[in-house]
Protein backbone atom coordinates (compact mmCIF):
# COMPACT_ATOMS: atom_id res chain seq x y z
CA MET A 1 26.19 -6.32 -32.99
CA MET A 2 27.66 -9.24 -31.09
CA TYR A 3 28.51 -6.92 -28.19
CA LEU A 4 24.84 -5.87 -27.90
CA PHE A 5 23.77 -9.52 -27.95
CA ASN A 6 26.28 -10.36 -25.19
CA VAL A 7 25.09 -7.44 -23.05
CA LEU A 8 21.44 -8.43 -23.45
CA THR A 9 22.24 -12.07 -22.66
CA HIS A 10 24.11 -11.01 -19.53
CA MET A 11 21.20 -8.78 -18.43
CA ILE A 12 18.71 -11.60 -18.89
CA LYS A 13 20.81 -14.08 -16.90
CA SER A 14 21.66 -11.56 -14.16
CA LYS A 15 19.65 -11.91 -10.95
CA LYS A 16 20.57 -8.54 -9.42
CA GLY A 17 17.10 -7.06 -9.70
CA GLN A 18 15.25 -10.18 -8.57
CA GLY A 19 15.17 -9.11 -4.91
CA MET A 20 13.81 -5.69 -5.76
CA VAL A 21 11.07 -7.20 -7.91
CA GLU A 22 10.10 -9.54 -5.06
CA TYR A 23 9.94 -6.63 -2.62
CA GLY A 24 7.83 -4.69 -5.10
CA LEU A 25 5.40 -7.59 -5.44
CA ILE A 26 5.12 -7.94 -1.66
CA ILE A 27 4.47 -4.21 -1.23
CA GLY A 28 1.86 -4.34 -3.99
CA LEU A 29 0.10 -7.27 -2.33
CA ILE A 30 0.10 -5.50 1.04
CA ALA A 31 -1.33 -2.37 -0.60
CA ILE A 32 -4.15 -4.39 -2.16
CA VAL A 33 -4.98 -6.03 1.19
CA VAL A 34 -5.04 -2.64 2.95
CA ILE A 35 -7.28 -1.12 0.27
CA VAL A 36 -9.73 -4.03 0.46
CA ALA A 37 -9.79 -3.86 4.28
CA LEU A 38 -10.38 -0.10 4.30
CA ARG A 39 -13.17 -0.40 1.74
CA ALA A 40 -14.83 -3.13 3.81
CA LEU A 41 -14.56 -1.09 7.01
CA GLY A 42 -15.04 2.32 5.39
CA VAL A 43 -18.72 2.81 6.20
CA ASN A 44 -18.31 1.65 9.79
CA LEU A 45 -15.26 3.87 10.29
CA GLY A 46 -17.17 6.83 8.88
CA ASN A 47 -20.00 6.25 11.35
CA ILE A 48 -17.55 5.98 14.25
CA PHE A 49 -15.82 9.23 13.31
CA ASN A 50 -19.16 11.00 12.90
CA THR A 51 -20.24 9.84 16.37
CA ILE A 52 -16.97 11.05 17.88
CA SER A 53 -17.27 14.38 16.05
CA GLU A 54 -20.80 14.93 17.32
CA ALA A 55 -19.78 14.02 20.88
CA VAL A 56 -16.86 16.46 20.79
CA GLY A 57 -19.03 19.17 19.25
CA THR A 58 -21.67 18.92 22.00
CA ALA A 59 -19.19 18.65 24.87
CA VAL A 60 -19.36 21.42 27.43
CA PRO A 61 -15.99 22.65 28.75
CA GLU A 62 -15.52 22.52 32.50
CA GLU A 63 -15.11 25.81 34.29
């Protein structure tokens, strides 16, 4: 029982995984920012792509 307590105490005091947690939090924050930006620009981007698609569809190839 004391061995288990010592292992748990060592795991709690260990800072090995701290860097990975920080990287995970940064990646999560970046993902949230990207999602918010895409949602804000989503309608405008859809209109732009529709305009481009229509222009390409009506283009006449040169002979």
